[in-house]
Amino acid sequence: MTPSDTKTFPLGGLEQRIDALRETGAYFWQKGWSLGTSSNYSIVLAQEPLELLITASGKDKGKLSRADFVRVGRDGKGTSPGQPKSSAETLLHVVAAEQPGVGAVLHTHSVWGTLLSDHFFGQGGFEISGYEMLKGLDGVTTHEHTQWVPIFENTQHIPDLAEQVREAFADAERPLRHGYLIRRHGLYTWGRDLEEARRHIEIFEFLFEVTARRLMLAGCMAPTI
């Protein structure tokens, strides 16, 4: 699916996209995946030139207003005057949005994803296989699928991290697919549209919790309480 260029839509079209992201924020907040001012979400407005609608920096994702969004270009900078500051991680959204067919990018900070990102960091990531819920990921048709979840080191220098992610997308041996974790931070995933990206969040968050609880039951991970 190729995202439509918002410049061809009336204001109502843009407002509908904003409201869809606001509803997404409220839902993720209720699930405990986007607490405080954590997380950020974006929708691709245009591919050429690339333009995104993304959440502004430092906003409570459970109470987003229509004013809490920014339009940014490929360089991560705002395309309209008078906008609030965009998320510090905007370039990570840009890198994902550059991939063919991507129409939305979502980032969450769940407890389980954070724990696993630290536990498996030394291995560079971890595999999830054998679960029926894997079929919720785009293109996966069997529970026998094995999903590799790479983990990147957290850094305050987002351009460096964005370049690492860009290289992972282009990796010939094991290209980045569906999503990744940032150590002690959270999950990034994407989809053809917002609906698919939201489904990917739900699938990953379910699988992260199952994986972490299984490790705890086996005594491989210390319990959190």
Protein backbone atom coordinates (compact mmCIF):
# COMPACT_ATOMS: atom_id res chain seq x y z
CA MET A 1 0.00 0.00 0.00
CA THR A 2 1.31 3.42 -0.91
CA PRO A 3 0.28 6.08 1.64
CA SER A 4 -1.63 8.97 0.09
CA ASP A 5 -0.17 12.43 -0.05
CA THR A 6 -2.08 14.45 2.55
CA LYS A 7 -1.63 17.60 0.48
CA THR A 8 -4.45 16.29 -1.71
CA PHE A 9 -6.81 15.92 1.28
CA PRO A 10 -9.00 18.60 2.86
CA LEU A 11 -8.34 19.60 6.47
CA GLY A 12 -10.78 16.98 7.68
CA GLY A 13 -8.57 14.25 6.21
CA LEU A 14 -5.61 15.42 8.25
CA GLU A 15 -7.74 15.79 11.37
CA GLN A 16 -8.94 12.21 10.97
CA ARG A 17 -5.34 11.01 10.91
CA ILE A 18 -4.52 13.07 13.99
CA ASP A 19 -7.55 11.71 15.83
CA ALA A 20 -6.56 8.15 14.90
CA LEU A 21 -3.13 8.71 16.48
CA ARG A 22 -4.74 10.30 19.54
CA GLU A 23 -6.98 7.25 19.98
CA THR A 24 -3.94 5.01 19.55
CA GLY A 25 -2.13 6.90 22.30
CA ALA A 26 -5.08 6.59 24.68
CA TYR A 27 -5.32 2.85 23.98
CA PHE A 28 -1.60 2.22 24.49
CA TRP A 29 -1.68 4.29 27.71
CA GLN A 30 -4.52 2.14 29.03
CA LYS A 31 -2.52 -1.01 28.22
CA GLY A 32 0.51 0.34 30.09
CA TRP A 33 2.65 0.48 26.94
CA SER A 34 2.96 4.29 26.74
CA LEU A 35 3.08 5.71 30.26
CA GLY A 36 4.17 9.18 31.25
CA THR A 37 5.43 11.07 28.23
CA SER A 38 7.11 7.98 26.72
CA SER A 39 6.54 6.67 23.18
CA ASN A 40 5.92 8.34 19.85
CA TYR A 41 3.74 7.60 16.84
CA SER A 42 3.73 8.69 13.21
CA ILE A 43 1.79 8.37 9.97
CA VAL A 44 3.31 8.85 6.52
CA LEU A 45 1.61 11.78 4.80
CA ALA A 46 3.65 11.69 1.58
CA GLN A 47 6.44 9.60 0.08
CA GLU A 48 7.99 12.01 -2.43
CA PRO A 49 9.08 14.16 -0.83
CA LEU A 50 8.78 12.20 2.41
CA GLU A 51 6.61 13.87 5.04
CA LEU A 52 5.42 12.46 8.36
CA LEU A 53 2.86 13.46 10.95
CA ILE A 54 4.43 12.64 14.33
CA THR A 55 3.69 13.23 17.99
CA ALA A 56 5.29 16.29 19.55
CA SER A 57 7.97 15.89 22.21
CA GLY A 58 7.10 15.49 25.88
CA LYS A 59 3.35 14.90 25.56
CA ASP A 60 1.20 12.62 27.70
CA LYS A 61 0.15 9.97 25.18
CA GLY A 62 -3.04 9.25 27.09
CA LYS A 63 -4.21 12.87 26.66
CA LEU A 64 -3.03 13.96 23.22
CA SER A 65 -4.76 16.97 21.71
CA ARG A 66 -4.93 17.93 18.03
CA ALA A 67 -2.20 20.50 18.71
CA ASP A 68 0.27 17.83 19.89
CA PHE A 69 1.48 16.81 16.42
CA VAL A 70 4.20 17.94 14.04
CA ARG A 71 4.69 17.60 10.28
CA VAL A 72 8.31 16.75 9.46
CA GLY A 73 10.38 16.00 6.36
CA ARG A 74 13.07 13.44 5.58
CA ASP A 75 15.60 15.42 7.64
CA GLY A 76 13.38 15.15 10.70
CA LYS A 77 12.73 18.88 10.78
CA GLY A 78 9.34 20.58 10.80
CA THR A 79 7.79 21.48 7.46
CA SER A 80 5.38 24.11 8.81
CA PRO A 81 6.10 27.20 10.94
CA GLY A 82 4.80 27.56 14.47
CA GLN A 83 4.74 23.85 15.25
CA PRO A 84 5.76 22.35 18.60
CA LYS A 85 9.05 20.44 18.85
CA SER A 86 8.96 16.94 17.38
CA SER A 87 10.10 13.83 19.21
CA ALA A 88 13.84 13.48 19.73
CA GLU A 89 13.56 10.12 17.98
CA THR A 90 11.99 11.46 14.78
CA LEU A 91 14.83 10.15 12.60
CA LEU A 92 14.03 6.59 13.70
CA HIS A 93 10.54 7.09 12.29
CA VAL A 94 12.01 8.50 9.09
CA VAL A 95 14.27 5.47 8.58
CA ALA A 96 11.32 3.07 8.92
CA ALA A 97 9.08 5.25 6.75
CA GLU A 98 11.68 5.14 3.97
CA GLN A 99 11.03 1.42 3.54
CA PRO A 100 8.67 0.35 0.72
CA GLY A 101 5.02 0.22 1.70
CA VAL A 102 5.37 1.62 5.22
CA GLY A 103 2.51 3.95 6.15
CA ALA A 104 2.79 4.19 9.94
CA VAL A 105 5.47 3.76 12.63
CA LEU A 106 4.77 3.16 16.33
CA HIS A 107 7.04 3.13 19.39
CA THR A 108 6.09 1.86 22.86
CA HIS A 109 7.80 1.49 26.27
CA SER A 110 6.35 -1.62 27.90
CA VAL A 111 7.66 -3.36 31.01
CA TRP A 112 8.18 -6.69 29.23
CA GLY A 113 9.89 -5.25 26.18
CA THR A 114 12.20 -3.23 28.41
CA LEU A 115 13.17 -6.27 30.50
CA LEU A 116 13.84 -8.46 27.46
CA SER A 117 15.84 -5.74 25.72
CA ASP A 118 18.26 -5.74 28.64
CA HIS A 119 18.27 -9.50 29.27
CA PHE A 120 19.14 -10.42 25.66
CA PHE A 121 21.27 -7.42 24.75
CA GLY A 122 24.53 -9.36 24.98
CA GLN A 123 23.24 -11.73 22.28
CA GLY A 124 22.21 -8.90 19.98
CA GLY A 125 18.58 -10.01 20.10
CA PHE A 126 16.43 -13.08 20.58
CA GLU A 127 14.19 -15.49 18.69
CA ILE A 128 10.47 -16.09 19.19
CA SER A 129 9.03 -19.19 17.55
CA GLY A 130 6.17 -21.68 17.72
CA TYR A 131 3.41 -19.30 18.87
CA GLU A 132 0.12 -18.93 17.02
CA MET A 133 0.19 -15.18 17.65
CA LEU A 134 3.16 -14.84 15.28
CA LYS A 135 0.62 -15.10 12.45
CA GLY A 136 -0.48 -11.59 13.35
CA LEU A 137 2.73 -10.23 11.82
CA ASP A 138 2.49 -9.19 8.18
CA GLY A 139 3.41 -12.02 5.83
CA VAL A 140 3.63 -14.71 8.52
CA THR A 141 1.29 -17.62 7.74
CA THR A 142 2.32 -20.32 10.22
CA HIS A 143 3.05 -20.65 13.93
CA GLU A 144 6.25 -22.45 12.92
CA HIS A 145 7.73 -19.10 11.96
CA THR A 146 10.81 -17.89 13.86
CA GLN A 147 10.93 -14.15 14.51
CA TRP A 148 14.28 -12.54 15.24
CA VAL A 149 14.00 -9.43 17.42
CA PRO A 150 17.23 -7.39 17.21
CA ILE A 151 18.28 -5.13 20.07
CA PHE A 152 20.17 -1.87 19.59
CA GLU A 153 22.09 -0.05 22.31
CA ASN A 154 20.36 3.03 23.68
CA THR A 155 22.00 6.35 22.90
CA GLN A 156 21.16 10.02 23.05
CA HIS A 157 22.74 10.52 19.63
CA ILE A 158 19.79 9.52 17.48
CA PRO A 159 21.48 10.09 14.06
CA ASP A 160 23.99 7.33 14.90
CA LEU A 161 21.23 4.96 15.99
CA ALA A 162 19.17 5.81 12.91
CA GLU A 163 22.11 4.87 10.70
CA GLN A 164 22.51 1.54 12.51
CA VAL A 165 18.83 0.80 11.94
CA ARG A 166 19.10 1.81 8.27
CA GLU A 167 21.99 -0.62 7.84
CA ALA A 168 19.96 -3.37 9.53
CA PHE A 169 17.13 -2.88 7.04
CA ALA A 170 19.65 -3.41 4.22
CA ASP A 171 21.42 -6.42 5.81
CA ALA A 172 21.72 -9.09 3.12
CA GLU A 173 21.84 -12.05 5.52
CA ARG A 174 19.09 -11.11 7.97
CA PRO A 175 17.32 -7.87 7.03
CA LEU A 176 15.35 -6.09 9.74
CA ARG A 177 11.72 -7.16 9.59
CA HIS A 178 8.63 -6.16 11.55
CA GLY A 179 10.34 -4.50 14.52
CA TYR A 180 13.24 -4.06 16.93
CA LEU A 181 14.01 -3.15 20.53
CA ILE A 182 16.27 -0.49 21.98
CA ARG A 183 18.03 -1.59 25.17
CA ARG A 184 16.23 -0.54 28.38
CA HIS A 185 14.00 1.57 26.19
CA GLY A 186 11.27 0.10 24.02
CA LEU A 187 9.84 -1.33 20.80
CA TYR A 188 9.69 0.11 17.28
CA THR A 189 7.39 -1.46 14.72
CA TRP A 190 5.56 -0.35 11.56
CA GLY A 191 2.93 -1.35 9.04
CA ARG A 192 1.27 -0.54 5.72
CA ASP A 193 -1.13 1.66 7.66
CA LEU A 194 -1.91 2.57 11.25
CA GLU A 195 -4.19 -0.44 11.71
CA GLU A 196 -1.44 -2.88 10.75
CA ALA A 197 1.18 -1.10 12.86
CA ARG A 198 -1.16 -1.24 15.88
CA ARG A 199 -1.67 -4.94 15.32
CA HIS A 200 2.08 -5.45 15.26
CA ILE A 201 2.38 -3.64 18.60
CA GLU A 202 -0.27 -5.93 20.09
CA ILE A 203 1.39 -9.06 18.71
CA PHE A 204 4.89 -8.11 19.87
CA GLU A 205 3.72 -7.02 23.32
CA PHE A 206 1.85 -10.31 23.81
CA LEU A 207 4.88 -12.32 22.68
CA PHE A 208 7.25 -10.28 24.86
CA GLU A 209 5.17 -10.97 27.95
CA VAL A 210 4.89 -14.68 27.14
CA THR A 211 8.65 -14.91 26.52
CA ALA A 212 9.58 -13.11 29.73
CA ARG A 213 7.12 -15.07 31.89
CA ARG A 214 8.37 -18.33 30.40
CA LEU A 215 11.95 -17.39 31.28
CA MET A 216 10.87 -16.57 34.83
CA LEU A 217 9.08 -19.90 35.19
CA ALA A 218 12.23 -21.66 34.01
CA GLY A 219 14.35 -19.66 36.44
CA CYS A 220 16.28 -18.01 33.62
CA MET A 221 15.15 -14.49 34.52
CA ALA A 222 14.76 -13.10 38.02
CA PRO A 223 11.17 -12.06 38.80
CA THR A 224 10.42 -8.35 38.94
CA ILE A 225 8.81 -8.57 42.40
